[in-house]
PDB file of all heavy atoms in Angstrom:
ATOM      1  N   PRO A   1       0.870  -1.236   0.011  1.00  0.00           N
ATOM      2  CA  PRO A   1       0.027  -0.043   0.032  1.00  0.00           C
ATOM      3  C   PRO A   1       0.861   1.268   0.000  1.00  0.00           C
ATOM      4  O   PRO A   1       1.947   1.283   0.552  1.00  0.00           O
ATOM      5  CB  PRO A   1      -0.823  -0.133   1.272  1.00  0.00           C
ATOM      6  CG  PRO A   1      -0.167  -1.153   2.117  1.00  0.00           C
ATOM      7  CD  PRO A   1       0.671  -2.017   1.145  1.00  0.00           C
ATOM      8  N   GLU A   2       0.334   2.271  -0.606  1.00  0.00           N
ATOM      9  CA  GLU A   2       1.136   3.554  -0.726  1.00  0.00           C
ATOM     10  C   GLU A   2       1.533   4.060   0.603  1.00  0.00           C
ATOM     11  O   GLU A   2       2.671   4.663   0.755  1.00  0.00           O
ATOM     12  CB  GLU A   2       0.210   4.580  -1.474  1.00  0.00           C
ATOM     13  CG  GLU A   2       0.934   5.858  -1.772  1.00  0.00           C
ATOM     14  CD  GLU A   2       2.078   5.738  -2.776  1.00  0.00           C
ATOM     15  OE1 GLU A   2       2.008   4.865  -3.693  1.00  0.00           O
ATOM     16  OE2 GLU A   2       3.102   6.483  -2.683  1.00  0.00           O
ATOM     17  N   SER A   3       0.779   3.849   1.651  1.00  0.00           N
ATOM     18  CA  SER A   3       1.094   4.384   2.990  1.00  0.00           C
ATOM     19  C   SER A   3       2.399   3.738   3.593  1.00  0.00           C
ATOM     20  O   SER A   3       3.014   4.258   4.455  1.00  0.00           O
ATOM     21  CB  SER A   3      -0.038   4.169   3.955  1.00  0.00           C
ATOM     22  OG  SER A   3      -0.333   2.782   4.089  1.00  0.00           O
ATOM     23  N   SER A   4       2.755   2.564   3.035  1.00  0.00           N
ATOM     24  CA  SER A   4       3.948   1.841   3.554  1.00  0.00           C
ATOM     25  C   SER A   4       5.168   2.199   2.727  1.00  0.00           C
ATOM     26  O   SER A   4       6.275   1.799   3.120  1.00  0.00           O
ATOM     27  CB  SER A   4       3.744   0.304   3.480  1.00  0.00           C
ATOM     28  OG  SER A   4       2.695  -0.027   4.381  1.00  0.00           O
ATOM     29  N   VAL A   5       5.008   2.842   1.604  1.00  0.00           N
ATOM     30  CA  VAL A   5       6.124   3.197   0.699  1.00  0.00           C
ATOM     31  C   VAL A   5       6.735   4.503   1.239  1.00  0.00           C
ATOM     32  O   VAL A   5       6.362   5.573   0.839  1.00  0.00           O
ATOM     33  CB  VAL A   5       5.667   3.275  -0.763  1.00  0.00           C
ATOM     34  CG1 VAL A   5       6.850   3.677  -1.639  1.00  0.00           C
ATOM     35  CG2 VAL A   5       5.040   2.023  -1.236  1.00  0.00           C
ATOM     36  N   LYS A   6       7.693   4.337   2.169  1.00  0.00           N
ATOM     37  CA  LYS A   6       8.358   5.480   2.741  1.00  0.00           C
ATOM     38  C   LYS A   6       9.827   5.128   3.117  1.00  0.00           C
ATOM     39  O   LYS A   6      10.127   3.920   3.342  1.00  0.00           O
ATOM     40  CB  LYS A   6       7.598   5.978   3.983  1.00  0.00           C
ATOM     41  CG  LYS A   6       7.398   4.920   5.026  1.00  0.00           C
ATOM     42  CD  LYS A   6       6.494   5.421   6.103  1.00  0.00           C
ATOM     43  CE  LYS A   6       6.201   4.226   7.085  1.00  0.00           C
ATOM     44  NZ  LYS A   6       5.129   4.492   7.934  1.00  0.00           N
ATOM     45  N   PRO A   7      10.711   6.112   3.208  1.00  0.00           N
ATOM     46  CA  PRO A   7      12.066   5.816   3.612  1.00  0.00           C
ATOM     47  C   PRO A   7      12.213   5.060   4.916  1.00  0.00           C
ATOM     48  O   PRO A   7      11.485   5.308   5.904  1.00  0.00           O
ATOM     49  CB  PRO A   7      12.693   7.231   3.742  1.00  0.00           C
ATOM     50  CG  PRO A   7      11.838   8.052   2.838  1.00  0.00           C
ATOM     51  CD  PRO A   7      10.418   7.538   2.948  1.00  0.00           C
ATOM     52  N   GLY A   8      13.079   4.028   4.874  1.00  0.00           N
ATOM     53  CA  GLY A   8      13.283   3.213   6.059  1.00  0.00           C
ATOM     54  C   GLY A   8      12.522   1.925   6.049  1.00  0.00           C
ATOM     55  O   GLY A   8      12.820   1.017   6.844  1.00  0.00           O
ATOM     56  N   GLN A   9      11.508   1.769   5.183  1.00  0.00           N
ATOM     57  CA  GLN A   9      10.707   0.577   5.125  1.00  0.00           C
ATOM     58  C   GLN A   9      11.526  -0.582   4.523  1.00  0.00           C
ATOM     59  O   GLN A   9      12.001  -0.500   3.412  1.00  0.00           O
ATOM     60  CB  GLN A   9       9.442   0.822   4.279  1.00  0.00           C
ATOM     61  CG  GLN A   9       8.532  -0.407   4.135  1.00  0.00           C
ATOM     62  CD  GLN A   9       7.960  -0.880   5.386  1.00  0.00           C
ATOM     63  OE1 GLN A   9       7.405  -0.074   6.153  1.00  0.00           O
ATOM     64  NE2 GLN A   9       8.061  -2.124   5.693  1.00  0.00           N
ATOM     65  N   LEU A  10      11.638  -1.646   5.295  1.00  0.00           N
ATOM     66  CA  LEU A  10      12.323  -2.888   4.827  1.00  0.00           C
ATOM     67  C   LEU A  10      11.304  -3.698   4.129  1.00  0.00           C
ATOM     68  O   LEU A  10      10.168  -3.946   4.619  1.00  0.00           O
ATOM     69  CB  LEU A  10      12.937  -3.631   6.029  1.00  0.00           C
ATOM     70  CG  LEU A  10      13.778  -4.804   5.738  1.00  0.00           C
ATOM     71  CD1 LEU A  10      14.984  -4.517   4.842  1.00  0.00           C
ATOM     72  CD2 LEU A  10      14.323  -5.464   7.035  1.00  0.00           C
ATOM     73  N   CYS A  11      11.592  -4.118   2.862  1.00  0.00           N
ATOM     74  CA  CYS A  11      10.690  -4.884   2.088  1.00  0.00           C
ATOM     75  C   CYS A  11      11.503  -5.733   1.104  1.00  0.00           C
ATOM     76  O   CYS A  11      12.681  -5.921   1.270  1.00  0.00           O
ATOM     77  CB  CYS A  11       9.698  -4.030   1.364  1.00  0.00           C
ATOM     78  SG  CYS A  11      10.404  -2.613   0.399  1.00  0.00           S
ATOM     79  N   CYS A  12      10.872  -6.154   0.026  1.00  0.00           N
ATOM     80  CA  CYS A  12      11.628  -6.861  -1.047  1.00  0.00           C
ATOM     81  C   CYS A  12      11.129  -6.377  -2.401  1.00  0.00           C
ATOM     82  O   CYS A  12      10.098  -5.823  -2.522  1.00  0.00           O
ATOM     83  CB  CYS A  12      11.513  -8.365  -0.898  1.00  0.00           C
ATOM     84  SG  CYS A  12       9.832  -9.075  -1.039  1.00  0.00           S
ATOM     85  N   VAL A  13      11.950  -6.638  -3.383  1.00  0.00           N
ATOM     86  CA  VAL A  13      11.639  -6.245  -4.784  1.00  0.00           C
ATOM     87  C   VAL A  13      12.168  -7.276  -5.742  1.00  0.00           C
ATOM     88  O   VAL A  13      13.169  -8.002  -5.449  1.00  0.00           O
ATOM     89  CB  VAL A  13      12.259  -4.853  -5.082  1.00  0.00           C
ATOM     90  CG1 VAL A  13      13.777  -4.873  -5.200  1.00  0.00           C
ATOM     91  CG2 VAL A  13      11.652  -4.315  -6.380  1.00  0.00           C
ATOM     92  N   THR A  14      11.507  -7.457  -6.825  1.00  0.00           N
ATOM     93  CA  THR A  14      11.941  -8.408  -7.855  1.00  0.00           C
ATOM     94  C   THR A  14      12.789  -7.625  -8.874  1.00  0.00           C
ATOM     95  O   THR A  14      12.348  -6.553  -9.342  1.00  0.00           O
ATOM     96  CB  THR A  14      10.811  -9.205  -8.474  1.00  0.00           C
ATOM     97  OG1 THR A  14      11.307 -10.117  -9.422  1.00  0.00           O
ATOM     98  CG2 THR A  14       9.783  -8.260  -9.143  1.00  0.00           C
ATOM     99  N   VAL A  15      13.951  -8.181  -9.209  1.00  0.00           N
ATOM    100  CA  VAL A  15      14.799  -7.610 -10.265  1.00  0.00           C
ATOM    101  C   VAL A  15      15.196  -8.798 -11.116  1.00  0.00           C
ATOM    102  O   VAL A  15      15.866  -9.751 -10.661  1.00  0.00           O
ATOM    103  CB  VAL A  15      16.059  -6.912  -9.626  1.00  0.00           C
ATOM    104  CG1 VAL A  15      16.917  -6.422 -10.754  1.00  0.00           C
ATOM    105  CG2 VAL A  15      15.628  -5.778  -8.708  1.00  0.00           C
ATOM    106  N   LEU A  16      14.808  -8.756 -12.386  1.00  0.00           N
ATOM    107  CA  LEU A  16      15.159  -9.866 -13.341  1.00  0.00           C
ATOM    108  C   LEU A  16      14.780 -11.190 -12.800  1.00  0.00           C
ATOM    109  O   LEU A  16      15.514 -12.193 -12.776  1.00  0.00           O
ATOM    110  CB  LEU A  16      16.617  -9.784 -13.742  1.00  0.00           C
ATOM    111  CG  LEU A  16      17.073  -8.526 -14.388  1.00  0.00           C
ATOM    112  CD1 LEU A  16      18.572  -8.514 -14.579  1.00  0.00           C
ATOM    113  CD2 LEU A  16      16.348  -8.268 -15.720  1.00  0.00           C
ATOM    114  N   ASN A  17      13.558 -11.314 -12.260  1.00  0.00           N
ATOM    115  CA  ASN A  17      12.983 -12.560 -11.713  1.00  0.00           C
ATOM    116  C   ASN A  17      13.657 -13.111 -10.472  1.00  0.00           C
ATOM    117  O   ASN A  17      13.474 -14.263 -10.081  1.00  0.00           O
ATOM    118  CB  ASN A  17      12.945 -13.653 -12.781  1.00  0.00           C
ATOM    119  CG  ASN A  17      12.010 -13.269 -13.911  1.00  0.00           C
ATOM    120  OD1 ASN A  17      10.998 -12.677 -13.733  1.00  0.00           O
ATOM    121  ND2 ASN A  17      12.444 -13.618 -15.172  1.00  0.00           N
ATOM    122  N   TRP A  18      14.464 -12.291  -9.750  1.00  0.00           N
ATOM    123  CA  TRP A  18      15.029 -12.670  -8.487  1.00  0.00           C
ATOM    124  C   TRP A  18      14.518 -11.711  -7.468  1.00  0.00           C
ATOM    125  O   TRP A  18      14.369 -10.530  -7.708  1.00  0.00           O
ATOM    126  CB  TRP A  18      16.576 -12.587  -8.511  1.00  0.00           C
ATOM    127  CG  TRP A  18      17.225 -13.642  -9.337  1.00  0.00           C
ATOM    128  CD1 TRP A  18      17.401 -13.689 -10.722  1.00  0.00           C
ATOM    129  CD2 TRP A  18      17.721 -14.898  -8.862  1.00  0.00           C
ATOM    130  NE1 TRP A  18      18.033 -14.842 -11.100  1.00  0.00           N
ATOM    131  CE2 TRP A  18      18.202 -15.593  -9.997  1.00  0.00           C
ATOM    132  CE3 TRP A  18      17.822 -15.486  -7.611  1.00  0.00           C
ATOM    133  CZ2 TRP A  18      18.786 -16.842  -9.883  1.00  0.00           C
ATOM    134  CZ3 TRP A  18      18.414 -16.683  -7.499  1.00  0.00           C
ATOM    135  CH2 TRP A  18      18.859 -17.380  -8.660  1.00  0.00           C
ATOM    136  N   TRP A  19      14.264 -12.227  -6.242  1.00  0.00           N
ATOM    137  CA  TRP A  19      13.774 -11.338  -5.129  1.00  0.00           C
ATOM    138  C   TRP A  19      14.945 -10.912  -4.203  1.00  0.00           C
ATOM    139  O   TRP A  19      15.810 -11.741  -3.924  1.00  0.00           O
ATOM    140  CB  TRP A  19      12.781 -12.090  -4.289  1.00  0.00           C
ATOM    141  CG  TRP A  19      11.458 -12.263  -5.016  1.00  0.00           C
ATOM    142  CD1 TRP A  19      11.078 -13.324  -5.767  1.00  0.00           C
ATOM    143  CD2 TRP A  19      10.453 -11.255  -5.133  1.00  0.00           C
ATOM    144  NE1 TRP A  19       9.828 -13.080  -6.324  1.00  0.00           N
ATOM    145  CE2 TRP A  19       9.389 -11.814  -5.923  1.00  0.00           C
ATOM    146  CE3 TRP A  19      10.280 -10.025  -4.612  1.00  0.00           C
ATOM    147  CZ2 TRP A  19       8.240 -11.129  -6.195  1.00  0.00           C
ATOM    148  CZ3 TRP A  19       9.125  -9.288  -4.863  1.00  0.00           C
ATOM    149  CH2 TRP A  19       8.112  -9.857  -5.697  1.00  0.00           C
ATOM    150  N   TYR A  20      14.964  -9.665  -3.872  1.00  0.00           N
ATOM    151  CA  TYR A  20      16.017  -9.133  -2.985  1.00  0.00           C
ATOM    152  C   TYR A  20      15.430  -8.344  -1.860  1.00  0.00           C
ATOM    153  O   TYR A  20      14.445  -7.670  -2.053  1.00  0.00           O
ATOM    154  CB  TYR A  20      16.936  -8.220  -3.832  1.00  0.00           C
ATOM    155  CG  TYR A  20      17.692  -8.838  -4.883  1.00  0.00           C
ATOM    156  CD1 TYR A  20      17.109  -8.884  -6.223  1.00  0.00           C
ATOM    157  CD2 TYR A  20      18.901  -9.417  -4.745  1.00  0.00           C
ATOM    158  CE1 TYR A  20      17.758  -9.520  -7.280  1.00  0.00           C
ATOM    159  CE2 TYR A  20      19.587 -10.037  -5.784  1.00  0.00           C
ATOM    160  CZ  TYR A  20      18.997 -10.070  -7.055  1.00  0.00           C
ATOM    161  OH  TYR A  20      19.665 -10.662  -8.087  1.00  0.00           O
ATOM    162  N   ARG A  21      16.122  -8.437  -0.692  1.00  0.00           N
ATOM    163  CA  ARG A  21      15.751  -7.593   0.423  1.00  0.00           C
ATOM    164  C   ARG A  21      16.183  -6.152   0.118  1.00  0.00           C
ATOM    165  O   ARG A  21      17.335  -5.978  -0.342  1.00  0.00           O
ATOM    166  CB  ARG A  21      16.483  -8.000   1.738  1.00  0.00           C
ATOM    167  CG  ARG A  21      15.901  -9.188   2.358  1.00  0.00           C
ATOM    168  CD  ARG A  21      16.386  -9.400   3.827  1.00  0.00           C
ATOM    169  NE  ARG A  21      17.865  -9.241   3.975  1.00  0.00           N
ATOM    170  CZ  ARG A  21      18.413  -9.162   5.158  1.00  0.00           C
ATOM    171  NH1 ARG A  21      17.707  -9.212   6.247  1.00  0.00           N
ATOM    172  NH2 ARG A  21      19.721  -9.061   5.268  1.00  0.00           N
ATOM    173  N   VAL A  22      15.371  -5.149   0.407  1.00  0.00           N
ATOM    174  CA  VAL A  22      15.710  -3.796   0.148  1.00  0.00           C
ATOM    175  C   VAL A  22      15.117  -2.939   1.262  1.00  0.00           C
ATOM    176  O   VAL A  22      14.181  -3.324   1.963  1.00  0.00           O
ATOM    177  CB  VAL A  22      15.223  -3.238  -1.198  1.00  0.00           C
ATOM    178  CG1 VAL A  22      15.870  -3.957  -2.347  1.00  0.00           C
ATOM    179  CG2 VAL A  22      13.687  -3.368  -1.294  1.00  0.00           C
ATOM    180  N   VAL A  23      15.763  -1.736   1.419  1.00  0.00           N
ATOM    181  CA  VAL A  23      15.207  -0.714   2.335  1.00  0.00           C
ATOM    182  C   VAL A  23      14.921   0.458   1.411  1.00  0.00           C
ATOM    183  O   VAL A  23      15.747   0.887   0.616  1.00  0.00           O
ATOM    184  CB  VAL A  23      16.224  -0.323   3.356  1.00  0.00           C
ATOM    185  CG1 VAL A  23      15.681   0.775   4.262  1.00  0.00           C
ATOM    186  CG2 VAL A  23      16.671  -1.507   4.168  1.00  0.00           C
ATOM    187  N   ILE A  24      13.686   0.981   1.541  1.00  0.00           N
ATOM    188  CA  ILE A  24      13.366   2.186   0.683  1.00  0.00           C
ATOM    189  C   ILE A  24      14.188   3.338   1.232  1.00  0.00           C
ATOM    190  O   ILE A  24      14.149   3.701   2.371  1.00  0.00           O
ATOM    191  CB  ILE A  24      11.860   2.482   0.829  1.00  0.00           C
ATOM    192  CG1 ILE A  24      11.039   1.344   0.210  1.00  0.00           C
ATOM    193  CG2 ILE A  24      11.554   3.824   0.036  1.00  0.00           C
ATOM    194  CD1 ILE A  24       9.556   1.508   0.399  1.00  0.00           C
ATOM    195  N   HIS A  25      14.986   3.890   0.337  1.00  0.00           N
ATOM    196  CA  HIS A  25      15.905   5.016   0.687  1.00  0.00           C
ATOM    197  C   HIS A  25      15.186   6.330   0.458  1.00  0.00           C
ATOM    198  O   HIS A  25      15.256   7.184   1.340  1.00  0.00           O
ATOM    199  CB  HIS A  25      17.138   4.920  -0.213  1.00  0.00           C
ATOM    200  CG  HIS A  25      18.129   6.012   0.049  1.00  0.00           C
ATOM    201  ND1 HIS A  25      18.637   6.328   1.290  1.00  0.00           N
ATOM    202  CD2 HIS A  25      18.643   6.919  -0.818  1.00  0.00           C
ATOM    203  CE1 HIS A  25      19.430   7.343   1.163  1.00  0.00           C
ATOM    204  NE2 HIS A  25      19.480   7.746  -0.104  1.00  0.00           N
ATOM    205  N   ARG A  26      14.523   6.512  -0.688  1.00  0.00           N
ATOM    206  CA  ARG A  26      13.754   7.727  -0.959  1.00  0.00           C
ATOM    207  C   ARG A  26      12.743   7.484  -2.048  1.00  0.00           C
ATOM    208  O   ARG A  26      12.944   6.623  -2.922  1.00  0.00           O
ATOM    209  CB  ARG A  26      14.663   8.925  -1.322  1.00  0.00           C
ATOM    210  CG  ARG A  26      15.394   8.791  -2.628  1.00  0.00           C
ATOM    211  CD  ARG A  26      16.335   9.959  -2.859  1.00  0.00           C
ATOM    212  NE  ARG A  26      17.113   9.706  -4.045  1.00  0.00           N
ATOM    213  CZ  ARG A  26      16.991  10.370  -5.182  1.00  0.00           C
ATOM    214  NH1 ARG A  26      16.122  11.347  -5.315  1.00  0.00           N
ATOM    215  NH2 ARG A  26      17.821  10.056  -6.201  1.00  0.00           N
ATOM    216  N   VAL A  27      11.666   8.192  -1.915  1.00  0.00           N
ATOM    217  CA  VAL A  27      10.592   8.163  -2.970  1.00  0.00           C
ATOM    218  C   VAL A  27      10.943   9.161  -4.027  1.00  0.00           C
ATOM    219  O   VAL A  27      11.160  10.328  -3.677  1.00  0.00           O
ATOM    220  CB  VAL A  27       9.210   8.436  -2.334  1.00  0.00           C
ATOM    221  CG1 VAL A  27       8.121   8.422  -3.432  1.00  0.00           C
ATOM    222  CG2 VAL A  27       8.896   7.444  -1.233  1.00  0.00           C
ATOM    223  N   ILE A  28      11.032   8.675  -5.241  1.00  0.00           N
ATOM    224  CA  ILE A  28      11.373   9.588  -6.319  1.00  0.00           C
ATOM    225  C   ILE A  28      10.190  10.282  -6.946  1.00  0.00           C
ATOM    226  O   ILE A  28      10.182  11.466  -7.161  1.00  0.00           O
ATOM    227  CB  ILE A  28      12.230   8.830  -7.418  1.00  0.00           C
ATOM    228  CG1 ILE A  28      13.529   8.348  -6.821  1.00  0.00           C
ATOM    229  CG2 ILE A  28      12.426   9.707  -8.629  1.00  0.00           C
ATOM    230  CD1 ILE A  28      14.361   7.524  -7.702  1.00  0.00           C
ATOM    231  N   ASN A  29       9.170   9.510  -7.296  1.00  0.00           N
ATOM    232  CA  ASN A  29       7.899  10.008  -7.835  1.00  0.00           C
ATOM    233  C   ASN A  29       6.784   9.049  -7.602  1.00  0.00           C
ATOM    234  O   ASN A  29       6.987   8.067  -6.821  1.00  0.00           O
ATOM    235  CB  ASN A  29       8.128  10.382  -9.325  1.00  0.00           C
ATOM    236  CG  ASN A  29       8.609   9.173 -10.160  1.00  0.00           C
ATOM    237  OD1 ASN A  29       8.096   8.047  -9.965  1.00  0.00           O
ATOM    238  ND2 ASN A  29       9.513   9.388 -11.070  1.00  0.00           N
ATOM    239  N   ASP A  30       5.706   9.134  -8.301  1.00  0.00           N
ATOM    240  CA  ASP A  30       4.523   8.256  -8.067  1.00  0.00           C
ATOM    241  C   ASP A  30       4.833   6.818  -8.464  1.00  0.00           C
ATOM    242  O   ASP A  30       4.157   5.913  -8.054  1.00  0.00           O
ATOM    243  CB  ASP A  30       3.367   8.784  -8.864  1.00  0.00           C
ATOM    244  CG  ASP A  30       2.754  10.077  -8.353  1.00  0.00           C
ATOM    245  OD1 ASP A  30       3.075  10.409  -7.144  1.00  0.00           O
ATOM    246  OD2 ASP A  30       2.032  10.740  -9.080  1.00  0.00           O
ATOM    247  N   GLN A  31       5.797   6.625  -9.402  1.00  0.00           N
ATOM    248  CA  GLN A  31       6.060   5.286  -9.915  1.00  0.00           C
ATOM    249  C   GLN A  31       7.337   4.669  -9.449  1.00  0.00           C
ATOM    250  O   GLN A  31       7.455   3.416  -9.447  1.00  0.00           O
ATOM    251  CB  GLN A  31       6.179   5.399 -11.476  1.00  0.00           C
ATOM    252  CG  GLN A  31       4.940   5.952 -12.140  1.00  0.00           C
ATOM    253  CD  GLN A  31       3.697   5.073 -11.951  1.00  0.00           C
ATOM    254  OE1 GLN A  31       3.779   3.861 -12.053  1.00  0.00           O
ATOM    255  NE2 GLN A  31       2.590   5.690 -11.633  1.00  0.00           N
ATOM    256  N   GLU A  32       8.326   5.506  -8.913  1.00  0.00           N
ATOM    257  CA  GLU A  32       9.684   4.941  -8.599  1.00  0.00           C
ATOM    258  C   GLU A  32      10.113   5.332  -7.234  1.00  0.00           C
ATOM    259  O   GLU A  32       9.780   6.302  -6.741  1.00  0.00           O
ATOM    260  CB  GLU A  32      10.646   5.435  -9.617  1.00  0.00           C
ATOM    261  CG  GLU A  32      10.455   5.041 -11.045  1.00  0.00           C
ATOM    262  CD  GLU A  32      11.404   5.652 -12.013  1.00  0.00           C
ATOM    263  OE1 GLU A  32      11.660   6.840 -11.914  1.00  0.00           O
ATOM    264  OE2 GLU A  32      11.914   4.899 -12.859  1.00  0.00           O
ATOM    265  N   VAL A  33      10.934   4.448  -6.669  1.00  0.00           N
ATOM    266  CA  VAL A  33      11.657   4.674  -5.421  1.00  0.00           C
ATOM    267  C   VAL A  33      13.103   4.271  -5.588  1.00  0.00           C
ATOM    268  O   VAL A  33      13.447   3.419  -6.435  1.00  0.00           O
ATOM    269  CB  VAL A  33      11.011   3.864  -4.233  1.00  0.00           C
ATOM    270  CG1 VAL A  33       9.649   4.325  -3.927  1.00  0.00           C
ATOM    271  CG2 VAL A  33      11.075   2.396  -4.544  1.00  0.00           C
ATOM    272  N   GLU A  34      13.957   4.845  -4.799  1.00  0.00           N
ATOM    273  CA  GLU A  34      15.344   4.421  -4.740  1.00  0.00           C
ATOM    274  C   GLU A  34      15.433   3.523  -3.530  1.00  0.00           C
ATOM    275  O   GLU A  34      14.990   3.899  -2.445  1.00  0.00           O
ATOM    276  CB  GLU A  34      16.300   5.602  -4.605  1.00  0.00           C
ATOM    277  CG  GLU A  34      17.784   5.220  -4.659  1.00  0.00           C
ATOM    278  CD  GLU A  34      18.655   6.422  -4.579  1.00  0.00           C
ATOM    279  OE1 GLU A  34      18.420   7.401  -3.823  1.00  0.00           O
ATOM    280  OE2 GLU A  34      19.615   6.436  -5.365  1.00  0.00           O
ATOM    281  N   VAL A  35      16.051   2.318  -3.710  1.00  0.00           N
ATOM    282  CA  VAL A  35      16.179   1.351  -2.641  1.00  0.00           C
ATOM    283  C   VAL A  35      17.631   1.008  -2.386  1.00  0.00           C
ATOM    284  O   VAL A  35      18.455   1.115  -3.275  1.00  0.00           O
ATOM    285  CB  VAL A  35      15.359   0.057  -2.973  1.00  0.00           C
ATOM    286  CG1 VAL A  35      13.859   0.324  -3.005  1.00  0.00           C
ATOM    287  CG2 VAL A  35      15.841  -0.620  -4.192  1.00  0.00           C
ATOM    288  N   PHE A  36      17.898   0.609  -1.161  1.00  0.00           N
ATOM    289  CA  PHE A  36      19.211   0.201  -0.717  1.00  0.00           C
ATOM    290  C   PHE A  36      19.179  -1.275  -0.540  1.00  0.00           C
ATOM    291  O   PHE A  36      18.228  -1.811   0.106  1.00  0.00           O
ATOM    292  CB  PHE A  36      19.609   0.923   0.573  1.00  0.00           C
ATOM    293  CG  PHE A  36      20.857   0.364   1.194  1.00  0.00           C
ATOM    294  CD1 PHE A  36      22.069   0.497   0.583  1.00  0.00           C
ATOM    295  CD2 PHE A  36      20.741  -0.271   2.418  1.00  0.00           C
ATOM    296  CE1 PHE A  36      23.230  -0.026   1.203  1.00  0.00           C
ATOM    297  CE2 PHE A  36      21.902  -0.789   3.019  1.00  0.00           C
ATOM    298  CZ  PHE A  36      23.121  -0.677   2.462  1.00  0.00           C
ATOM    299  N   PHE A  37      20.100  -1.996  -1.055  1.00  0.00           N
ATOM    300  CA  PHE A  37      20.231  -3.475  -0.947  1.00  0.00           C
ATOM    301  C   PHE A  37      21.150  -3.728   0.223  1.00  0.00           C
ATOM    302  O   PHE A  37      22.375  -3.712   0.089  1.00  0.00           O
ATOM    303  CB  PHE A  37      20.740  -4.075  -2.209  1.00  0.00           C
ATOM    304  CG  PHE A  37      19.848  -3.977  -3.386  1.00  0.00           C
ATOM    305  CD1 PHE A  37      19.713  -2.786  -4.082  1.00  0.00           C
ATOM    306  CD2 PHE A  37      19.130  -5.135  -3.836  1.00  0.00           C
ATOM    307  CE1 PHE A  37      18.839  -2.726  -5.173  1.00  0.00           C
ATOM    308  CE2 PHE A  37      18.296  -5.054  -4.884  1.00  0.00           C
ATOM    309  CZ  PHE A  37      18.138  -3.833  -5.593  1.00  0.00           C
ATOM    310  N   PRO A  38      20.593  -4.073   1.464  1.00  0.00           N
ATOM    311  CA  PRO A  38      21.427  -4.278   2.628  1.00  0.00           C
ATOM    312  C   PRO A  38      22.364  -5.468   2.561  1.00  0.00           C
ATOM    313  O   PRO A  38      23.315  -5.568   3.302  1.00  0.00           O
ATOM    314  CB  PRO A  38      20.405  -4.412   3.764  1.00  0.00           C
ATOM    315  CG  PRO A  38      19.199  -4.895   3.118  1.00  0.00           C
ATOM    316  CD  PRO A  38      19.209  -4.290   1.782  1.00  0.00           C
ATOM    317  N   ASP A  39      22.051  -6.406   1.662  1.00  0.00           N
ATOM    318  CA  ASP A  39      22.969  -7.566   1.501  1.00  0.00           C
ATOM    319  C   ASP A  39      23.999  -7.377   0.461  1.00  0.00           C
ATOM    320  O   ASP A  39      24.893  -8.233   0.311  1.00  0.00           O
ATOM    321  CB  ASP A  39      22.105  -8.807   1.204  1.00  0.00           C
ATOM    322  CG  ASP A  39      21.079  -9.073   2.278  1.00  0.00           C
ATOM    323  OD1 ASP A  39      21.461  -8.948   3.474  1.00  0.00           O
ATOM    324  OD2 ASP A  39      19.908  -9.338   1.987  1.00  0.00           O
ATOM    325  N   TYR A  40      23.942  -6.294  -0.261  1.00  0.00           N
ATOM    326  CA  TYR A  40      24.923  -6.029  -1.302  1.00  0.00           C
ATOM    327  C   TYR A  40      25.603  -4.675  -1.182  1.00  0.00           C
ATOM    328  O   TYR A  40      26.680  -4.448  -1.699  1.00  0.00           O
ATOM    329  CB  TYR A  40      24.335  -6.125  -2.674  1.00  0.00           C
ATOM    330  CG  TYR A  40      23.837  -7.548  -3.006  1.00  0.00           C
ATOM    331  CD1 TYR A  40      22.509  -7.892  -2.650  1.00  0.00           C
ATOM    332  CD2 TYR A  40      24.674  -8.497  -3.523  1.00  0.00           C
ATOM    333  CE1 TYR A  40      22.030  -9.244  -2.893  1.00  0.00           C
ATOM    334  CE2 TYR A  40      24.239  -9.777  -3.797  1.00  0.00           C
ATOM    335  CZ  TYR A  40      22.961 -10.160  -3.423  1.00  0.00           C
ATOM    336  OH  TYR A  40      22.501 -11.407  -3.683  1.00  0.00           O
ATOM    337  N   GLY A  41      24.869  -3.744  -0.540  1.00  0.00           N
ATOM    338  CA  GLY A  41      25.478  -2.404  -0.294  1.00  0.00           C
ATOM    339  C   GLY A  41      25.292  -1.382  -1.348  1.00  0.00           C
ATOM    340  O   GLY A  41      25.938  -0.328  -1.371  1.00  0.00           O
ATOM    341  N   ASN A  42      24.405  -1.608  -2.320  1.00  0.00           N
ATOM    342  CA  ASN A  42      24.289  -0.645  -3.443  1.00  0.00           C
ATOM    343  C   ASN A  42      22.821  -0.083  -3.434  1.00  0.00           C
ATOM    344  O   ASN A  42      21.915  -0.583  -2.795  1.00  0.00           O
ATOM    345  CB  ASN A  42      24.557  -1.298  -4.757  1.00  0.00           C
ATOM    346  CG  ASN A  42      23.634  -2.453  -5.054  1.00  0.00           C
ATOM    347  OD1 ASN A  42      23.479  -3.416  -4.276  1.00  0.00           O
ATOM    348  ND2 ASN A  42      22.934  -2.454  -6.218  1.00  0.00           N
ATOM    349  N   LEU A  43      22.701   1.030  -4.199  1.00  0.00           N
ATOM    350  CA  LEU A  43      21.445   1.710  -4.390  1.00  0.00           C
ATOM    351  C   LEU A  43      20.934   1.448  -5.811  1.00  0.00           C
ATOM    352  O   LEU A  43      21.733   1.295  -6.711  1.00  0.00           O
ATOM    353  CB  LEU A  43      21.587   3.217  -4.230  1.00  0.00           C
ATOM    354  CG  LEU A  43      21.899   3.724  -2.832  1.00  0.00           C
ATOM    355  CD1 LEU A  43      22.349   5.201  -2.911  1.00  0.00           C
ATOM    356  CD2 LEU A  43      20.705   3.580  -1.936  1.00  0.00           C
TER     357      LEU A  43
END
């Protein structure tokens, strides 16, 4: 839900059919967010 899409929220995302743990770093716009991959160290 949109109310949960905020910086600091730990969740997961699919990238090329693989699931990764991520932390929402910042909301960019209505469609995109920048996420941090705590298991890899990248944005």
